[in-house]
């Protein structure tokens, strides 16, 4: 799909100067950003990127308890999209915005991203306080079926990898290759009980004290290398201010990470029997710089249980990030590795 109207109008003229920022056509409502090279059609919601030669359609679909928003990026009319399976990029609770850089490295194929329920543009409508991986998996299934392009290749990171494992265990026919990057499930770890107790403590801290104290504990936990001991979470609580976090409780309890997904994600036990039997090619991956950290340890243990090798990717847990959320990995090298892994499927 391409833009439906001009980006400048010789009669009415643009509302703003094209040399200084976005311009909006007074007649069509089409907005052009000279800085980014993108044009957005106000009627269809389609964005055309002149730099990458891709067109992005933003769509919504209704699901039980939520309205899901997803984006479909396609090469703009050069015919290359048909030579590759669509590539779906998912995280949790990270939304589509976190994959902007990585998606840009796959401008030769259709790329689909979405906001998981309860995040960004996908509000929950049922008021539920928690989301299970199986529920997220059903949402991903709905997105794949809505795109309607047959089996997809799926790169899933962090909580998204947990949800993707739940998906292919039940609907392997929808996914040709799954790359599950650092799924943070405690239930494959040798120290699973202690590790899950740490996650429970973070969640309890969030409910009792709010975001700052809980997020400080989460950051310390995420950076911990090695096994968790039985009383690891009984150590003195970290100071939120040390991480630039507020100590005050604002009263909100709707954080997607600390509230909605913490226990369901980390407490999920992958169905090893179903994953071994699925038609999906399952590639379990971890960052080279993540060795010893909880999600990377989980990836290594999962690969062992599935009887496959752990595939190492460049950088760390967020190795595909190119400045999203102020974080940087090695996105170009990461994308090259992902492309090679997907090509290995033949």
Protein backbone atom coordinates (compact mmCIF):
# COMPACT_ATOMS: atom_id res chain seq x y z
CA UNK A 1 0.00 0.00 0.00
CA UNK A 2 1.31 3.46 -0.86
CA UNK A 3 0.36 6.96 0.10
CA UNK A 4 -2.99 8.15 -1.24
CA UNK A 5 -2.25 11.81 -1.74
CA UNK A 6 0.47 14.34 -2.37
CA UNK A 7 2.82 15.46 0.37
CA UNK A 8 2.66 19.06 -0.82
CA UNK A 9 -0.24 20.93 -2.38
CA UNK A 10 0.47 23.68 -4.91
CA UNK A 11 -2.84 25.37 -4.11
CA UNK A 12 -3.01 25.27 -0.33
CA UNK A 13 0.64 24.71 0.48
CA UNK A 14 2.01 22.80 3.43
CA UNK A 15 1.18 23.81 6.96
CA UNK A 16 4.84 23.87 7.95
CA UNK A 17 8.18 24.46 6.27
CA UNK A 18 9.58 21.25 4.71
CA UNK A 19 13.10 22.26 5.63
CA UNK A 20 12.39 22.45 9.35
CA UNK A 21 10.29 19.39 10.14
CA UNK A 22 7.14 17.44 9.30
CA UNK A 23 4.69 19.00 6.86
CA UNK A 24 0.96 18.32 6.64
CA UNK A 25 -1.02 18.73 3.45
CA UNK A 26 -4.09 20.80 4.28
CA UNK A 27 -6.24 18.99 1.70
CA UNK A 28 -5.27 15.34 2.15
CA UNK A 29 -3.95 15.31 5.70
CA UNK A 30 -0.82 13.51 4.50
CA UNK A 31 2.24 14.23 6.64
CA UNK A 32 5.80 14.21 5.33
CA UNK A 33 8.89 14.36 7.53
CA UNK A 34 11.86 15.61 5.52
CA UNK A 35 14.24 14.63 8.31
CA UNK A 36 13.31 10.95 8.46
CA UNK A 37 12.14 10.56 4.87
CA UNK A 38 8.76 9.17 5.90
CA UNK A 39 5.29 9.96 4.60
CA UNK A 40 2.15 9.06 6.57
CA UNK A 41 -1.33 8.91 5.06
CA UNK A 42 -3.80 10.20 7.64
CA UNK A 43 -6.68 8.20 6.17
CA UNK A 44 -5.08 4.76 5.93
CA UNK A 45 -2.37 5.06 8.59
CA UNK A 46 0.17 3.85 6.03
CA UNK A 47 3.74 5.11 6.41
CA UNK A 48 6.18 5.07 3.49
CA UNK A 49 9.91 5.26 4.26
CA UNK A 50 11.85 6.65 1.32
CA UNK A 51 15.17 5.71 2.94
CA UNK A 52 14.51 1.98 3.29
CA UNK A 53 11.94 1.65 0.52
CA UNK A 54 9.38 0.09 2.86
CA UNK A 55 5.72 0.75 3.52
CA UNK A 56 4.22 0.18 6.98
CA UNK A 57 0.54 -0.47 7.66
CA UNK A 58 -0.65 -0.17 11.25
CA UNK A 59 -3.68 -2.29 12.06
CA UNK A 60 -5.76 -3.35 15.04
CA UNK A 61 -7.69 -6.48 15.89
CA UNK A 62 -10.00 -7.31 18.75
CA UNK A 63 -9.13 -10.18 21.05
CA UNK A 64 -10.85 -11.37 24.22
CA UNK A 65 -9.83 -8.85 26.87
CA UNK A 66 -7.70 -6.61 24.66
CA UNK A 67 -7.38 -4.63 21.46
CA UNK A 68 -4.13 -5.55 19.72
CA UNK A 69 -2.16 -3.18 17.50
CA UNK A 70 0.35 -4.53 15.01
CA UNK A 71 2.48 -3.18 12.17
CA UNK A 72 3.22 -4.77 8.79
CA UNK A 73 6.32 -3.47 6.97
CA UNK A 74 6.65 -4.43 3.32
CA UNK A 75 9.24 -3.72 0.64
CA UNK A 76 7.68 -1.03 -1.51
CA UNK A 77 6.72 -2.74 -4.74
CA UNK A 78 10.02 -4.37 -5.72
CA UNK A 79 8.78 -7.95 -5.48
CA UNK A 80 11.39 -9.09 -2.97
CA UNK A 81 8.91 -9.78 -0.17
CA UNK A 82 7.58 -12.85 -1.95
CA UNK A 83 11.00 -14.51 -1.91
CA UNK A 84 11.03 -14.75 1.88
CA UNK A 85 8.65 -15.84 4.59
CA UNK A 86 7.30 -12.96 6.66
CA UNK A 87 9.45 -12.26 9.72
CA UNK A 88 7.64 -11.64 13.00
CA UNK A 89 9.61 -9.86 15.75
CA UNK A 90 8.18 -10.03 19.27
CA UNK A 91 9.14 -9.21 22.82
CA UNK A 92 7.31 -9.02 26.13
CA UNK A 93 6.68 -6.68 27.76
CA UNK A 94 8.70 -4.78 25.14
CA UNK A 95 6.45 -3.50 22.37
CA UNK A 96 6.97 -2.93 18.65
CA UNK A 97 9.00 0.25 19.18
CA UNK A 98 11.90 -1.81 20.50
CA UNK A 99 12.35 -3.55 17.14
CA UNK A 100 12.60 -0.44 14.95
CA UNK A 101 16.34 -0.81 14.35
CA UNK A 102 16.27 -4.57 13.80
CA UNK A 103 13.31 -4.33 11.41
CA UNK A 104 15.26 -1.79 9.37
CA UNK A 105 17.90 -4.43 8.65
CA UNK A 106 15.27 -6.63 6.95
CA UNK A 107 13.91 -4.17 4.40
CA UNK A 108 13.90 -6.96 1.79
CA UNK A 109 11.12 -8.92 3.46
CA UNK A 110 7.78 -8.40 5.15
CA UNK A 111 8.34 -7.70 8.86
CA UNK A 112 5.53 -7.83 11.43
CA UNK A 113 5.73 -6.34 14.93
CA UNK A 114 3.05 -5.88 17.57
CA UNK A 115 2.40 -4.45 21.01
CA UNK A 116 1.57 -7.22 23.52
CA UNK A 117 -1.68 -6.84 25.42
CA UNK A 118 -1.41 -4.35 28.24
CA UNK A 119 1.43 -2.38 26.62
CA UNK A 120 1.63 0.79 24.51
CA UNK A 121 -1.06 0.67 21.79
CA UNK A 122 -2.68 -2.62 22.91
CA UNK A 123 -4.79 -1.78 25.96
CA UNK A 124 -6.43 -4.46 28.02
CA UNK A 125 -10.21 -4.20 28.11
CA UNK A 126 -10.85 -6.76 30.85
CA UNK A 127 -8.96 -5.16 33.74
CA UNK A 128 -6.97 -8.34 34.40
CA UNK A 129 -3.87 -7.88 36.55
CA UNK A 130 -1.84 -10.74 35.06
CA UNK A 131 -1.23 -12.31 31.67
CA UNK A 132 -0.15 -15.90 31.12
CA UNK A 133 2.23 -16.91 28.31
CA UNK A 134 -0.54 -19.03 26.79
CA UNK A 135 -2.70 -15.91 26.52
CA UNK A 136 0.09 -14.01 24.80
CA UNK A 137 0.60 -17.03 22.53
CA UNK A 138 -3.03 -16.87 21.45
CA UNK A 139 -2.55 -13.18 20.65
CA UNK A 140 0.50 -13.92 18.49
CA UNK A 141 -1.53 -16.61 16.71
CA UNK A 142 -4.24 -14.04 16.01
CA UNK A 143 -1.71 -11.62 14.54
CA UNK A 144 -0.17 -14.29 12.30
CA UNK A 145 -3.59 -15.38 11.07
CA UNK A 146 -4.64 -11.76 10.50
CA UNK A 147 -1.58 -11.12 8.33
CA UNK A 148 -2.58 -14.23 6.39
CA UNK A 149 0.79 -14.98 4.84
CA UNK A 150 1.24 -18.61 5.81
CA UNK A 151 3.99 -19.88 8.13
CA UNK A 152 6.25 -17.11 9.40
CA UNK A 153 9.78 -16.97 10.71
CA UNK A 154 9.67 -15.76 14.30
CA UNK A 155 12.38 -13.99 16.28
CA UNK A 156 11.30 -13.72 19.90
CA UNK A 157 13.29 -12.09 22.66
CA UNK A 158 13.05 -12.28 26.45
CA UNK A 159 9.43 -12.70 27.58
CA UNK A 160 8.48 -12.83 23.91
CA UNK A 161 10.58 -15.99 23.61
CA UNK A 162 8.63 -17.59 26.46
CA UNK A 163 5.37 -16.71 24.73
CA UNK A 164 6.67 -18.02 21.41
CA UNK A 165 7.58 -21.35 22.99
CA UNK A 166 4.00 -21.60 24.22
CA UNK A 167 2.81 -20.81 20.69
CA UNK A 168 4.83 -23.38 18.76
CA UNK A 169 4.09 -26.07 21.34
CA UNK A 170 0.45 -25.81 20.25
CA UNK A 171 0.55 -24.28 16.77
CA UNK A 172 3.75 -25.34 15.09
CA UNK A 173 2.08 -25.11 11.70
CA UNK A 174 2.13 -21.31 11.98
CA UNK A 175 5.89 -20.96 12.44
CA UNK A 176 8.63 -22.30 10.18
CA UNK A 177 11.61 -21.25 12.30
CA UNK A 178 11.53 -19.89 15.85
CA UNK A 179 14.60 -18.15 17.23
CA UNK A 180 14.00 -18.01 20.99
CA UNK A 181 16.49 -15.47 22.35
CA UNK A 182 17.14 -15.64 26.11
CA UNK A 183 13.73 -16.78 27.40
CA UNK A 184 13.70 -15.90 31.14
CA UNK A 185 11.95 -18.99 32.46
CA UNK A 186 13.19 -20.16 35.85
CA UNK A 187 11.62 -23.58 35.41
CA UNK A 188 14.46 -25.08 33.36
CA UNK A 189 17.19 -23.96 35.77
CA UNK A 190 18.88 -26.24 38.31
CA UNK A 191 18.23 -23.50 40.89
CA UNK A 192 14.63 -23.02 39.73
CA UNK A 193 13.05 -22.73 43.18
CA UNK A 194 15.49 -20.07 44.39
CA UNK A 195 15.33 -18.22 41.07
CA UNK A 196 11.54 -18.10 41.06
CA UNK A 197 11.56 -16.95 44.69
CA UNK A 198 13.67 -13.98 43.58
CA UNK A 199 11.07 -13.15 40.91
CA UNK A 200 8.25 -13.51 43.42
CA UNK A 201 10.07 -11.12 45.75
CA UNK A 202 10.35 -8.52 42.97
CA UNK A 203 6.63 -8.83 42.24
CA UNK A 204 5.72 -8.62 45.93
CA UNK A 205 7.94 -5.56 46.35
CA UNK A 206 6.13 -3.93 43.45
CA UNK A 207 2.72 -4.59 44.98
CA UNK A 208 3.81 -3.31 48.40
CA UNK A 209 6.19 -0.46 47.57
CA UNK A 210 5.73 0.48 43.94
CA UNK A 211 7.85 0.70 40.83
CA UNK A 212 11.14 2.21 42.09
CA UNK A 213 12.09 -0.33 44.77
CA UNK A 214 10.90 -3.25 42.61
CA UNK A 215 12.72 -2.09 39.49
CA UNK A 216 15.93 -1.62 41.48
CA UNK A 217 15.69 -5.26 42.57
CA UNK A 218 14.95 -6.30 39.00
CA UNK A 219 18.05 -4.52 37.67
CA UNK A 220 20.28 -6.17 40.27
CA UNK A 221 18.73 -9.55 39.51
CA UNK A 222 19.11 -9.15 35.74
CA UNK A 223 22.82 -8.44 36.12
CA UNK A 224 23.51 -11.32 38.50
CA UNK A 225 25.76 -14.04 37.10
CA UNK A 226 25.59 -17.57 38.41
CA UNK A 227 23.19 -19.59 40.53
CA UNK A 228 20.72 -18.03 42.92
CA UNK A 229 21.10 -19.23 46.50
CA UNK A 230 18.11 -20.09 48.66
CA UNK A 231 18.21 -16.78 50.54
CA UNK A 232 19.57 -14.59 47.75
CA UNK A 233 16.57 -12.28 47.82
CA UNK A 234 17.01 -11.66 51.57
CA UNK A 235 20.06 -9.46 50.98
CA UNK A 236 19.70 -5.71 51.70
CA UNK A 237 17.40 -4.05 49.18
CA UNK A 238 19.15 -1.86 46.60
CA UNK A 239 18.60 1.90 46.71
CA UNK A 240 16.32 2.99 43.83
CA UNK A 241 18.17 6.32 43.66
CA UNK A 242 21.35 4.46 42.69
CA UNK A 243 19.60 3.61 39.41
CA UNK A 244 17.91 6.97 38.95
CA UNK A 245 14.59 5.54 40.11
CA UNK A 246 12.04 7.16 42.43
CA UNK A 247 11.69 5.77 45.93
CA UNK A 248 8.22 7.26 46.30
CA UNK A 249 5.20 5.11 45.49
CA UNK A 250 2.91 6.77 42.95
CA UNK A 251 0.18 4.23 43.67
CA UNK A 252 0.03 2.71 40.19
CA UNK A 253 0.15 -1.05 39.82
CA UNK A 254 -0.19 -1.47 36.05
CA UNK A 255 3.46 -1.93 35.06
CA UNK A 256 3.59 -4.63 32.33
CA UNK A 257 6.91 -6.04 33.53
CA UNK A 258 6.72 -5.91 37.31
CA UNK A 259 3.00 -6.46 37.64
CA UNK A 260 1.31 -8.06 34.68
CA UNK A 261 3.94 -10.48 33.35
CA UNK A 262 6.59 -11.13 36.01
CA UNK A 263 5.23 -14.33 37.52
CA UNK A 264 3.57 -15.83 34.46
CA UNK A 265 6.68 -15.42 32.34
CA UNK A 266 9.35 -16.54 34.78
CA UNK A 267 7.19 -19.34 36.18
CA UNK A 268 6.37 -20.86 32.80
CA UNK A 269 7.57 -24.41 32.19
CA UNK A 270 8.11 -25.09 28.45
CA UNK A 271 6.46 -28.22 27.12
CA UNK A 272 9.61 -30.08 26.11
CA UNK A 273 7.75 -33.06 24.65
CA UNK A 274 5.62 -30.83 22.42
CA UNK A 275 8.60 -28.70 21.40
CA UNK A 276 10.56 -31.79 20.38
CA UNK A 277 7.59 -32.99 18.32
CA UNK A 278 6.62 -29.70 16.68
CA UNK A 279 7.13 -29.11 12.98
CA UNK A 280 8.74 -25.78 13.84
CA UNK A 281 12.52 -25.57 13.71
CA UNK A 282 13.37 -24.25 17.19
CA UNK A 283 16.65 -22.36 17.57
CA UNK A 284 17.53 -21.39 21.15
CA UNK A 285 19.85 -18.39 21.35
CA UNK A 286 21.73 -16.22 23.85
CA UNK A 287 24.03 -13.22 23.68
CA UNK A 288 27.78 -13.77 23.88
CA UNK A 289 28.02 -11.12 26.60
CA UNK A 290 25.17 -12.62 28.63
CA UNK A 291 26.95 -15.76 29.81
CA UNK A 292 26.04 -16.59 33.39
CA UNK A 293 23.04 -14.27 33.55
CA UNK A 294 19.64 -15.74 34.35
CA UNK A 295 18.00 -15.54 30.87
CA UNK A 296 21.14 -16.84 29.14
CA UNK A 297 21.41 -19.71 31.62
CA UNK A 298 17.77 -20.53 30.93
CA UNK A 299 18.48 -20.56 27.20
CA UNK A 300 21.40 -22.94 27.66
CA UNK A 301 19.36 -25.31 29.83
CA UNK A 302 16.43 -25.22 27.40
CA UNK A 303 18.70 -26.05 24.48
CA UNK A 304 20.11 -28.97 26.46
CA UNK A 305 16.62 -30.31 27.24
CA UNK A 306 15.64 -30.02 23.58
CA UNK A 307 18.81 -31.83 22.52
CA UNK A 308 20.06 -28.96 20.38
CA UNK A 309 23.01 -26.59 20.43
CA UNK A 310 22.78 -23.13 21.93
CA UNK A 311 23.24 -20.50 19.20
CA UNK A 312 25.28 -17.48 20.26
CA UNK A 313 24.33 -14.02 19.02
CA UNK A 314 26.42 -10.85 19.27
CA UNK A 315 26.16 -8.59 22.31
CA UNK A 316 23.80 -9.02 25.25
CA UNK A 317 20.13 -9.50 26.20
CA UNK A 318 19.16 -6.44 24.15
CA UNK A 319 21.77 -6.95 21.46
CA UNK A 320 19.42 -5.90 18.66
CA UNK A 321 18.73 -2.46 20.16
CA UNK A 322 20.06 0.56 18.31
CA UNK A 323 19.24 3.28 20.81
CA UNK A 324 15.68 2.30 21.65
CA UNK A 325 15.02 3.05 25.34
CA UNK A 326 18.52 4.58 25.49
CA UNK A 327 20.13 1.15 25.09
CA UNK A 328 22.65 0.02 22.50
CA UNK A 329 23.68 -3.45 21.46
CA UNK A 330 25.28 -4.46 18.17
CA UNK A 331 22.23 -4.35 15.88
CA UNK A 332 24.03 -4.69 12.54
CA UNK A 333 25.99 -7.75 13.64
CA UNK A 334 22.91 -9.10 15.41
CA UNK A 335 20.84 -8.79 12.23
CA UNK A 336 23.55 -10.50 10.18
CA UNK A 337 23.53 -13.43 12.58
CA UNK A 338 19.74 -13.64 12.55
CA UNK A 339 19.71 -13.57 8.75
CA UNK A 340 22.26 -16.39 8.63
CA UNK A 341 20.31 -18.49 11.14
CA UNK A 342 17.10 -18.08 9.16
CA UNK A 343 18.90 -18.90 5.91
CA UNK A 344 20.16 -22.16 7.41
CA UNK A 345 16.59 -23.43 7.34
CA UNK A 346 16.79 -23.58 3.57
